[in-house]
Amino acid sequence: RSGFGLEHYSENDPQRYYNSIGMDMRFAGMAIAGPTSTFCGVPQKVEFTSDSDASGDWTNESNAYDEDDTTAATCALAELSTWEGYLQLNCEAINVDRILIKLDRDNARIDDVEVGVYYDDGWHTLSDPTYGSWNNLAIGATKSVDKIRIRFHHSGSVGSNTGSVYEVFMIQDSGVGNVVALADFNDALYCAVENIIGKLNAGGTEFDYVNHVNADITDLEPFPDGKLYVACGTSHAYYEMNTSEALTKNTLSNNQMQFMVTVNTTAPTMYGNDGGNTVRLTTNPADGGSSWSNQTIVGESHNVITGLLPHNGALHIMKEDVPYYLDSDGNPKTDLAPELGTLKSSTSGKNSVEWLGNLYVQAGTGALMEIGSLNTWRNPSDFATNLAESTGAIQALATDERYLFAIIDISTKIEVLAGRQERVGSTTTWVW
């Protein structure tokens, strides 16, 4: 019960061990089989890598998969009652279950469009898409797909027309991707992977595709107005998602945020950082809501913000050097943990958490500070001697009702450590 890391047995510390493999040693009088990890898939964006235009009817073909839905591959149609040639997009064969496509026409004389998917040694036509907006075209099952094709049809009416394909990609529902944000919203758990929003299924086995935005997501934050806010970095406007999972792009001024967080003071307030050392606030972040405030400058610009979180009714701002907070007058303060400045790192402060009234902030490579009434080091390596599993960089922190968990990268694998104050004999001490 005294934790791990005791290289040599000591009769003065008989309840502490050195290391264990596949065991859970947290509980008094028990050494039990440890928990195992289970794969949880996330919706993964599958992009096309090449194209073919056998008919020569298309121009700017690569615009259909250039990750920019404002540029298009185009096809000019003049001959009456005729299908023009296919634009074919190719990729390595991969299991997918849906196509996301945005296309349009400049005139109703284009009276039909066909989107075909190649799987099971044949072409299969998907349901008719709509023009001028994104289409979520379900294949109907997970299939191994390596190419799709698109073509437009000209009606019998006289006149030339242009069909446009702005962007196409596929979704692998149970893929592997880097989750950049998680959020509890509308009684469900949502994740963000690249520009995709997923939702954990009822069995807790994977995140299913819900929707997507037009830029890589940097944060997810629910607000008491019943909406989930989707930050897309300091160069793109954020979005809001309602409980029906429909997205609206925000049109307020100063709406480009990297991180967003709700702080409950006299009124719920949304904060966001629109630069490496600048934050703004609003009490109504919805499209058409209240304007964002003027910028508050937080520290030097060369020490950028790595995260935002609420604590004790105030905004706390993690930066590469030290954590800041805004006082009751909105002024940034640096007196939380100035000693962290010597551990300046591009990852310092990322994924910091609040637990049992304290803040837990990782800094440098392997340092962890508990910020409370008395700042205390909780570095895992300080609790071990010659144990490589405790010396890696802290990648993330999480909590439940009983433990603080630290995820440590030790190059060849990760270690998950559980820590808390533990009463051992007549002494209460921190134990990993």
Protein backbone atom coordinates (compact mmCIF):
# COMPACT_ATOMS: atom_id res chain seq x y z
CA ARG A 1 0.00 0.00 0.00
CA SER A 2 3.04 2.26 0.11
CA GLY A 3 3.40 2.16 -3.64
CA PHE A 4 6.15 1.11 -6.03
CA GLY A 5 9.81 1.97 -6.58
CA LEU A 6 11.65 0.54 -3.53
CA GLU A 7 14.74 -0.96 -5.16
CA HIS A 8 15.97 -2.72 -1.99
CA TYR A 9 13.69 -4.14 0.69
CA SER A 10 13.57 -2.21 3.94
CA GLU A 11 12.01 -3.49 7.15
CA ASN A 12 11.06 0.13 7.84
CA ASP A 13 8.95 0.17 4.64
CA PRO A 14 7.52 -3.35 4.41
CA GLN A 15 4.36 -2.37 2.49
CA ARG A 16 6.26 -0.90 -0.45
CA TYR A 17 7.39 -2.90 -3.46
CA TYR A 18 9.73 -2.30 -6.38
CA ASN A 19 7.87 -3.28 -9.52
CA SER A 20 5.14 -5.61 -10.71
CA ILE A 21 4.04 -6.97 -14.07
CA GLY A 22 0.34 -7.38 -14.77
CA MET A 23 -0.62 -6.86 -11.13
CA ASP A 24 -2.68 -4.31 -9.22
CA MET A 25 -0.95 -3.69 -5.88
CA ARG A 26 -3.06 -0.77 -4.60
CA PHE A 27 -5.25 -2.54 -2.06
CA ALA A 28 -4.47 -3.68 1.47
CA GLY A 29 -3.83 -7.40 1.80
CA MET A 30 -4.30 -8.11 -1.90
CA ALA A 31 -2.17 -8.60 -4.98
CA ILE A 32 -4.69 -9.01 -7.78
CA ALA A 33 -4.62 -9.25 -11.56
CA GLY A 34 -4.26 -5.81 -13.08
CA PRO A 35 -6.58 -4.14 -15.59
CA THR A 36 -5.97 -4.62 -19.29
CA SER A 37 -6.41 -2.14 -22.12
CA THR A 38 -9.16 -2.47 -24.72
CA PHE A 39 -9.04 -0.96 -28.18
CA CYS A 40 -11.56 1.84 -28.72
CA GLY A 41 -11.80 2.95 -32.34
CA VAL A 42 -12.34 6.54 -33.43
CA PRO A 43 -13.67 7.92 -36.72
CA GLN A 44 -10.69 8.35 -39.01
CA LYS A 45 -10.57 10.56 -42.08
CA VAL A 46 -9.39 8.67 -45.18
CA GLU A 47 -8.05 10.93 -47.91
CA PHE A 48 -7.57 10.18 -51.59
CA THR A 49 -4.06 10.28 -53.02
CA SER A 50 -4.52 10.41 -56.80
CA ASP A 51 -7.09 10.85 -59.56
CA SER A 52 -7.84 9.76 -63.10
CA ASP A 53 -9.89 11.48 -65.80
CA ALA A 54 -10.07 9.08 -68.72
CA SER A 55 -12.57 11.23 -70.65
CA GLY A 56 -10.64 14.46 -70.27
CA ASP A 57 -13.87 16.24 -69.27
CA TRP A 58 -12.55 17.53 -65.93
CA THR A 59 -10.21 20.34 -64.92
CA ASN A 60 -8.33 20.93 -61.63
CA GLU A 61 -9.03 17.34 -60.65
CA SER A 62 -6.87 17.39 -57.50
CA ASN A 63 -9.01 20.17 -56.01
CA ALA A 64 -11.54 17.45 -55.14
CA TYR A 65 -9.21 16.11 -52.45
CA ASP A 66 -6.94 19.03 -51.50
CA GLU A 67 -8.47 19.49 -47.99
CA ASP A 68 -9.96 22.82 -49.07
CA ASP A 69 -13.71 22.88 -49.66
CA THR A 70 -13.56 26.31 -51.33
CA THR A 71 -11.69 24.98 -54.39
CA ALA A 72 -13.29 22.55 -56.85
CA ALA A 73 -12.67 20.08 -59.63
CA THR A 74 -15.02 21.13 -62.44
CA CYS A 75 -16.71 19.54 -65.42
CA ALA A 76 -18.32 21.64 -68.20
CA LEU A 77 -21.41 20.02 -69.78
CA ALA A 78 -22.76 21.12 -73.17
CA GLU A 79 -24.12 18.06 -74.98
CA LEU A 80 -27.83 17.46 -74.31
CA SER A 81 -29.19 14.38 -72.49
CA THR A 82 -25.70 13.07 -71.86
CA TRP A 83 -23.59 11.79 -68.97
CA GLU A 84 -20.15 13.36 -68.97
CA GLY A 85 -17.08 11.28 -68.12
CA TYR A 86 -16.14 10.10 -64.64
CA LEU A 87 -13.71 11.76 -62.25
CA GLN A 88 -12.12 8.86 -60.39
CA LEU A 89 -10.36 9.31 -57.04
CA ASN A 90 -7.97 6.64 -55.75
CA CYS A 91 -6.41 5.57 -52.46
CA GLU A 92 -5.00 2.46 -50.84
CA ALA A 93 -7.72 -0.10 -50.05
CA ILE A 94 -9.16 0.55 -46.60
CA ASN A 95 -12.30 -0.43 -44.69
CA VAL A 96 -14.78 2.46 -44.71
CA ASP A 97 -18.53 2.82 -44.28
CA ARG A 98 -19.36 6.28 -45.66
CA ILE A 99 -18.39 8.96 -48.16
CA LEU A 100 -18.37 12.67 -47.30
CA ILE A 101 -18.74 14.80 -50.41
CA LYS A 102 -19.49 18.43 -51.19
CA LEU A 103 -20.53 19.17 -54.78
CA ASP A 104 -22.60 21.73 -56.66
CA ARG A 105 -23.97 22.78 -60.07
CA ASP A 106 -24.34 26.24 -61.58
CA ASN A 107 -27.68 25.48 -63.26
CA ALA A 108 -30.57 23.06 -62.95
CA ARG A 109 -29.85 21.90 -66.51
CA ILE A 110 -27.51 19.54 -64.70
CA ASP A 111 -30.31 17.22 -63.63
CA ASP A 112 -28.47 14.26 -62.10
CA VAL A 113 -25.21 13.24 -60.43
CA GLU A 114 -23.80 9.81 -59.72
CA VAL A 115 -21.40 8.87 -56.95
CA GLY A 116 -20.07 5.35 -57.27
CA VAL A 117 -17.94 3.30 -54.85
CA TYR A 118 -15.84 0.29 -55.82
CA TYR A 119 -15.95 -2.72 -53.48
CA ASP A 120 -16.56 -6.49 -53.68
CA ASP A 121 -15.14 -6.43 -57.24
CA GLY A 122 -17.78 -4.05 -58.56
CA TRP A 123 -19.11 -0.50 -58.70
CA HIS A 124 -22.01 0.48 -56.45
CA THR A 125 -24.00 3.72 -56.79
CA LEU A 126 -24.83 5.60 -53.59
CA SER A 127 -28.03 7.55 -52.92
CA ASP A 128 -28.40 10.86 -54.75
CA PRO A 129 -26.50 13.67 -53.02
CA THR A 130 -27.80 17.20 -52.65
CA TYR A 131 -26.12 20.22 -54.22
CA GLY A 132 -24.35 23.04 -52.43
CA SER A 133 -23.75 21.33 -49.08
CA TRP A 134 -21.93 18.40 -47.50
CA ASN A 135 -23.43 14.96 -48.03
CA ASN A 136 -23.00 12.00 -45.70
CA LEU A 137 -23.49 9.03 -48.04
CA ALA A 138 -23.61 5.72 -46.18
CA ILE A 139 -22.31 2.66 -47.99
CA GLY A 140 -24.59 0.48 -45.86
CA ALA A 141 -21.81 -1.69 -44.42
CA THR A 142 -18.09 -1.53 -43.83
CA LYS A 143 -16.37 -2.31 -47.12
CA SER A 144 -12.82 -2.29 -48.46
CA VAL A 145 -12.74 0.63 -50.88
CA ASP A 146 -9.84 1.87 -53.01
CA LYS A 147 -11.59 4.19 -55.47
CA ILE A 148 -14.73 6.18 -56.08
CA ARG A 149 -16.08 7.96 -59.16
CA ILE A 150 -18.34 10.96 -59.82
CA ARG A 151 -20.12 12.19 -62.94
CA PHE A 152 -22.85 14.71 -63.88
CA HIS A 153 -25.74 14.45 -66.36
CA HIS A 154 -26.95 17.20 -68.71
CA SER A 155 -30.70 17.43 -69.31
CA GLY A 156 -32.36 18.06 -72.66
CA SER A 157 -32.43 21.83 -72.13
CA VAL A 158 -30.18 23.99 -74.27
CA GLY A 159 -27.23 25.70 -72.57
CA SER A 160 -23.84 24.89 -71.08
CA ASN A 161 -23.37 24.17 -67.40
CA THR A 162 -20.65 23.34 -64.89
CA GLY A 163 -20.64 20.66 -62.23
CA SER A 164 -18.22 21.09 -59.32
CA VAL A 165 -16.76 18.69 -56.75
CA TYR A 166 -15.32 20.72 -53.87
CA GLU A 167 -14.09 18.01 -51.52
CA VAL A 168 -14.39 14.26 -50.98
CA PHE A 169 -13.10 11.99 -48.24
CA MET A 170 -14.15 8.74 -46.59
CA ILE A 171 -14.68 7.73 -42.97
CA GLN A 172 -13.32 4.63 -41.28
CA ASP A 173 -15.49 4.41 -38.16
CA SER A 174 -13.29 2.12 -36.08
CA GLY A 175 -9.99 3.66 -37.08
CA VAL A 176 -6.91 4.80 -35.22
CA GLY A 177 -6.35 8.53 -34.81
CA ASN A 178 -5.06 11.17 -32.44
CA VAL A 179 -7.86 12.36 -30.16
CA VAL A 180 -7.26 16.05 -29.45
CA ALA A 181 -10.29 16.70 -27.22
CA LEU A 182 -13.05 14.94 -25.27
CA ALA A 183 -16.26 16.45 -23.91
CA ASP A 184 -19.38 15.30 -22.04
CA PHE A 185 -22.36 16.78 -23.87
CA ASN A 186 -26.04 15.87 -24.06
CA ASP A 187 -25.49 12.78 -21.87
CA ALA A 188 -22.82 11.38 -24.20
CA LEU A 189 -19.05 11.47 -24.61
CA TYR A 190 -17.76 13.18 -27.76
CA CYS A 191 -14.25 13.21 -29.21
CA ALA A 192 -12.41 15.21 -31.86
CA VAL A 193 -9.98 13.65 -34.33
CA GLU A 194 -8.57 15.98 -37.01
CA ASN A 195 -11.74 17.73 -38.28
CA ILE A 196 -14.09 14.89 -37.26
CA ILE A 197 -16.49 14.74 -34.29
CA GLY A 198 -17.30 11.29 -32.92
CA LYS A 199 -19.59 9.97 -30.18
CA LEU A 200 -18.98 6.97 -27.92
CA ASN A 201 -21.43 4.18 -28.68
CA ALA A 202 -23.67 2.54 -26.08
CA GLY A 203 -21.28 -0.36 -25.60
CA GLY A 204 -18.28 1.90 -25.02
CA THR A 205 -16.35 0.06 -27.74
CA GLU A 206 -15.82 2.85 -30.30
CA PHE A 207 -16.58 6.44 -31.22
CA ASP A 208 -18.94 6.66 -34.19
CA TYR A 209 -18.84 9.46 -36.75
CA VAL A 210 -21.25 12.32 -35.96
CA ASN A 211 -20.23 15.32 -38.05
CA HIS A 212 -17.23 17.29 -39.28
CA VAL A 213 -16.03 20.86 -39.68
CA ASN A 214 -13.81 22.49 -42.29
CA ALA A 215 -10.63 22.80 -40.23
CA ASP A 216 -8.74 20.69 -37.72
CA ILE A 217 -10.38 20.82 -34.29
CA THR A 218 -8.32 22.05 -31.33
CA ASP A 219 -10.88 21.86 -28.48
CA LEU A 220 -14.44 20.89 -27.50
CA GLU A 221 -16.32 22.75 -24.78
CA PRO A 222 -19.99 22.51 -23.69
CA PHE A 223 -21.79 25.62 -22.46
CA PRO A 224 -24.99 25.96 -20.35
CA ASP A 225 -26.88 27.17 -23.44
CA GLY A 226 -27.20 23.54 -24.52
CA LYS A 227 -24.52 23.66 -27.22
CA LEU A 228 -21.13 22.10 -27.73
CA TYR A 229 -18.52 24.55 -28.98
CA VAL A 230 -15.89 23.33 -31.43
CA ALA A 231 -12.68 25.37 -31.53
CA CYS A 232 -10.61 25.20 -34.72
CA GLY A 233 -7.49 27.17 -33.87
CA THR A 234 -6.55 30.81 -34.17
CA SER A 235 -7.00 30.95 -37.96
CA HIS A 236 -10.54 29.53 -38.26
CA ALA A 237 -13.91 30.44 -36.78
CA TYR A 238 -15.34 28.06 -34.18
CA TYR A 239 -18.58 26.10 -34.57
CA GLU A 240 -21.48 25.26 -32.29
CA MET A 241 -23.27 21.90 -32.27
CA ASN A 242 -26.80 21.52 -30.91
CA THR A 243 -28.34 18.45 -29.28
CA SER A 244 -29.45 17.23 -32.72
CA GLU A 245 -25.74 17.23 -33.66
CA ALA A 246 -26.20 19.91 -36.32
CA LEU A 247 -23.32 22.36 -36.74
CA THR A 248 -23.38 26.13 -37.20
CA LYS A 249 -20.27 28.15 -38.05
CA ASN A 250 -19.93 31.18 -35.79
CA THR A 251 -20.01 34.66 -37.32
CA LEU A 252 -19.16 36.83 -34.29
CA SER A 253 -16.12 39.04 -34.52
CA ASN A 254 -12.90 37.70 -32.95
CA ASN A 255 -14.17 34.12 -33.13
CA GLN A 256 -10.95 32.20 -33.85
CA MET A 257 -10.02 30.21 -30.74
CA GLN A 258 -7.48 27.53 -29.91
CA PHE A 259 -8.87 26.51 -26.52
CA MET A 260 -12.26 27.29 -25.00
CA VAL A 261 -13.44 26.80 -21.41
CA THR A 262 -16.51 27.63 -19.33
CA VAL A 263 -15.99 29.36 -15.98
CA ASN A 264 -19.01 29.61 -13.66
CA THR A 265 -18.87 32.93 -11.83
CA THR A 266 -21.84 35.26 -11.32
CA ALA A 267 -22.86 34.17 -14.82
CA PRO A 268 -21.47 31.30 -16.90
CA THR A 269 -18.69 32.79 -19.01
CA MET A 270 -16.85 31.34 -21.98
CA TYR A 271 -13.17 32.11 -22.30
CA GLY A 272 -11.01 31.43 -25.32
CA ASN A 273 -7.48 32.19 -26.42
CA ASP A 274 -7.22 33.76 -29.86
CA GLY A 275 -3.43 33.93 -29.78
CA GLY A 276 -0.37 32.50 -28.09
CA ASN A 277 -0.72 34.89 -25.14
CA THR A 278 -4.17 36.51 -25.52
CA VAL A 279 -7.58 35.58 -24.14
CA ARG A 280 -11.11 36.94 -24.58
CA LEU A 281 -14.45 36.26 -22.88
CA THR A 282 -18.18 36.37 -23.60
CA THR A 283 -21.31 35.39 -21.69
CA ASN A 284 -23.04 34.28 -24.89
CA PRO A 285 -20.69 32.60 -27.40
CA ALA A 286 -23.49 31.45 -29.74
CA ASP A 287 -23.77 32.67 -33.30
CA GLY A 288 -25.52 36.04 -33.01
CA GLY A 289 -24.72 36.18 -29.28
CA SER A 290 -22.65 38.65 -27.26
CA SER A 291 -19.45 40.12 -28.68
CA TRP A 292 -16.15 38.82 -27.40
CA SER A 293 -14.30 41.18 -25.07
CA ASN A 294 -11.09 43.00 -25.81
CA GLN A 295 -7.94 40.91 -25.54
CA THR A 296 -6.25 40.31 -22.21
CA ILE A 297 -2.52 39.82 -22.68
CA VAL A 298 -1.16 36.97 -20.57
CA GLY A 299 2.60 36.99 -20.17
CA GLU A 300 5.14 37.08 -22.96
CA SER A 301 4.27 36.06 -26.51
CA HIS A 302 7.21 33.65 -26.76
CA ASN A 303 5.71 31.53 -23.95
CA VAL A 304 2.51 30.33 -25.57
CA ILE A 305 -0.70 29.12 -23.96
CA THR A 306 -0.92 25.33 -23.66
CA GLY A 307 -4.35 25.01 -22.03
CA LEU A 308 -7.23 26.69 -20.19
CA LEU A 309 -9.16 25.36 -17.19
CA PRO A 310 -11.48 26.67 -14.47
CA HIS A 311 -10.56 26.50 -10.80
CA ASN A 312 -12.23 28.16 -7.81
CA GLY A 313 -14.43 30.27 -10.07
CA ALA A 314 -11.51 31.77 -12.01
CA LEU A 315 -9.86 31.19 -15.35
CA HIS A 316 -6.48 29.46 -15.10
CA ILE A 317 -4.16 29.71 -18.07
CA MET A 318 -1.42 27.16 -18.59
CA LYS A 319 1.63 28.40 -20.47
CA GLU A 320 5.01 27.02 -21.48
CA ASP A 321 6.67 28.71 -18.51
CA VAL A 322 4.27 29.11 -15.55
CA PRO A 323 0.53 28.89 -14.92
CA TYR A 324 -1.46 32.14 -14.75
CA TYR A 325 -4.92 32.99 -13.48
CA LEU A 326 -7.20 36.01 -13.82
CA ASP A 327 -8.09 37.75 -10.57
CA SER A 328 -11.51 39.21 -9.80
CA ASP A 329 -10.63 42.32 -11.81
CA GLY A 330 -9.52 40.29 -14.82
CA ASN A 331 -5.81 40.88 -14.30
CA PRO A 332 -3.39 38.01 -15.05
CA LYS A 333 -1.40 36.77 -12.04
CA THR A 334 1.68 34.54 -11.88
CA ASP A 335 1.89 33.74 -8.17
CA LEU A 336 0.46 30.20 -8.39
CA ALA A 337 3.72 28.35 -9.03
CA PRO A 338 6.55 30.62 -10.19
CA GLU A 339 9.03 27.82 -9.47
CA LEU A 340 7.80 25.99 -12.59
CA GLY A 341 9.50 28.63 -14.75
CA THR A 342 12.81 26.76 -14.60
CA LEU A 343 11.10 23.77 -16.27
CA LYS A 344 9.89 25.72 -19.30
CA SER A 345 8.78 23.36 -22.07
CA SER A 346 6.45 23.38 -25.08
CA THR A 347 4.37 20.73 -23.30
CA SER A 348 4.28 22.28 -19.81
CA GLY A 349 0.74 22.69 -18.55
CA LYS A 350 -0.91 20.54 -21.22
CA ASN A 351 -3.73 18.33 -19.93
CA SER A 352 -3.58 19.77 -16.42
CA VAL A 353 -6.50 18.79 -14.20
CA GLU A 354 -8.33 19.83 -11.05
CA TRP A 355 -8.86 17.11 -8.45
CA LEU A 356 -10.00 17.24 -4.83
CA GLY A 357 -9.64 21.02 -4.77
CA ASN A 358 -6.07 21.09 -6.09
CA LEU A 359 -4.55 21.71 -9.50
CA TYR A 360 -2.18 19.13 -10.94
CA VAL A 361 0.17 20.62 -13.52
CA GLN A 362 2.84 18.73 -15.42
CA ALA A 363 5.96 20.61 -16.44
CA GLY A 364 9.22 19.92 -18.19
CA THR A 365 9.63 16.25 -19.03
CA GLY A 366 8.63 14.35 -15.92
CA ALA A 367 7.69 16.91 -13.26
CA LEU A 368 4.23 17.12 -11.69
CA MET A 369 3.18 19.77 -9.19
CA GLU A 370 0.16 19.74 -6.90
CA ILE A 371 -0.93 23.38 -6.53
CA GLY A 372 -3.03 23.97 -3.42
CA SER A 373 -2.67 25.62 -0.07
CA LEU A 374 0.92 24.35 -0.22
CA ASN A 375 2.59 23.55 -3.53
CA THR A 376 3.96 20.01 -3.47
CA TRP A 377 5.98 18.01 -5.97
CA ARG A 378 4.33 14.73 -7.03
CA ASN A 379 6.96 13.73 -9.59
CA PRO A 380 6.61 9.96 -10.10
CA SER A 381 10.38 9.52 -10.40
CA ASP A 382 10.84 10.96 -6.90
CA PHE A 383 9.01 7.94 -5.51
CA ALA A 384 11.30 5.36 -7.11
CA THR A 385 14.96 4.42 -7.30
CA ASN A 386 16.48 3.10 -10.53
CA LEU A 387 13.08 2.32 -12.04
CA ALA A 388 12.92 3.36 -15.69
CA GLU A 389 9.13 3.06 -15.80
CA SER A 390 8.80 6.17 -13.63
CA THR A 391 11.13 8.51 -15.50
CA GLY A 392 9.28 9.24 -18.75
CA ALA A 393 7.44 12.36 -19.85
CA ILE A 394 3.94 12.79 -18.47
CA GLN A 395 1.64 12.79 -21.51
CA ALA A 396 -1.73 13.19 -19.80
CA LEU A 397 -3.53 13.33 -16.46
CA ALA A 398 -6.97 12.01 -15.58
CA THR A 399 -9.01 11.41 -12.44
CA ASP A 400 -11.85 9.39 -11.04
CA GLU A 401 -13.49 9.59 -7.62
CA ARG A 402 -10.52 7.91 -5.90
CA TYR A 403 -7.30 8.34 -7.87
CA LEU A 404 -5.23 10.70 -9.96
CA PHE A 405 -3.85 8.90 -13.01
CA ALA A 406 -0.68 9.88 -14.86
CA ILE A 407 0.12 8.47 -18.28
CA ILE A 408 3.89 8.30 -18.79
CA ASP A 409 5.73 7.82 -22.09
CA ILE A 410 8.84 5.68 -21.67
CA SER A 411 9.62 5.44 -25.39
CA THR A 412 8.78 1.77 -26.00
CA LYS A 413 5.40 1.87 -24.24
CA ILE A 414 3.30 3.89 -21.85
CA GLU A 415 2.79 3.34 -18.14
CA VAL A 416 -0.41 4.30 -16.31
CA LEU A 417 0.22 5.30 -12.69
CA ALA A 418 -2.43 5.75 -9.99
CA GLY A 419 -1.67 8.14 -7.14
CA ARG A 420 -3.34 9.56 -4.04
CA GLN A 421 -2.87 10.32 -0.37
CA GLU A 422 -2.80 6.97 1.46
CA ARG A 423 -2.84 6.20 5.17
CA VAL A 424 -0.20 3.57 5.83
CA GLY A 425 0.10 2.61 9.48
CA SER A 426 0.00 5.88 11.42
CA THR A 427 1.21 8.07 8.54
CA THR A 428 -0.66 9.66 5.63
CA THR A 429 1.52 10.23 2.59
CA TRP A 430 1.31 10.46 -1.19
CA VAL A 431 1.63 7.08 -2.88
CA TRP A 432 2.04 6.17 -6.57
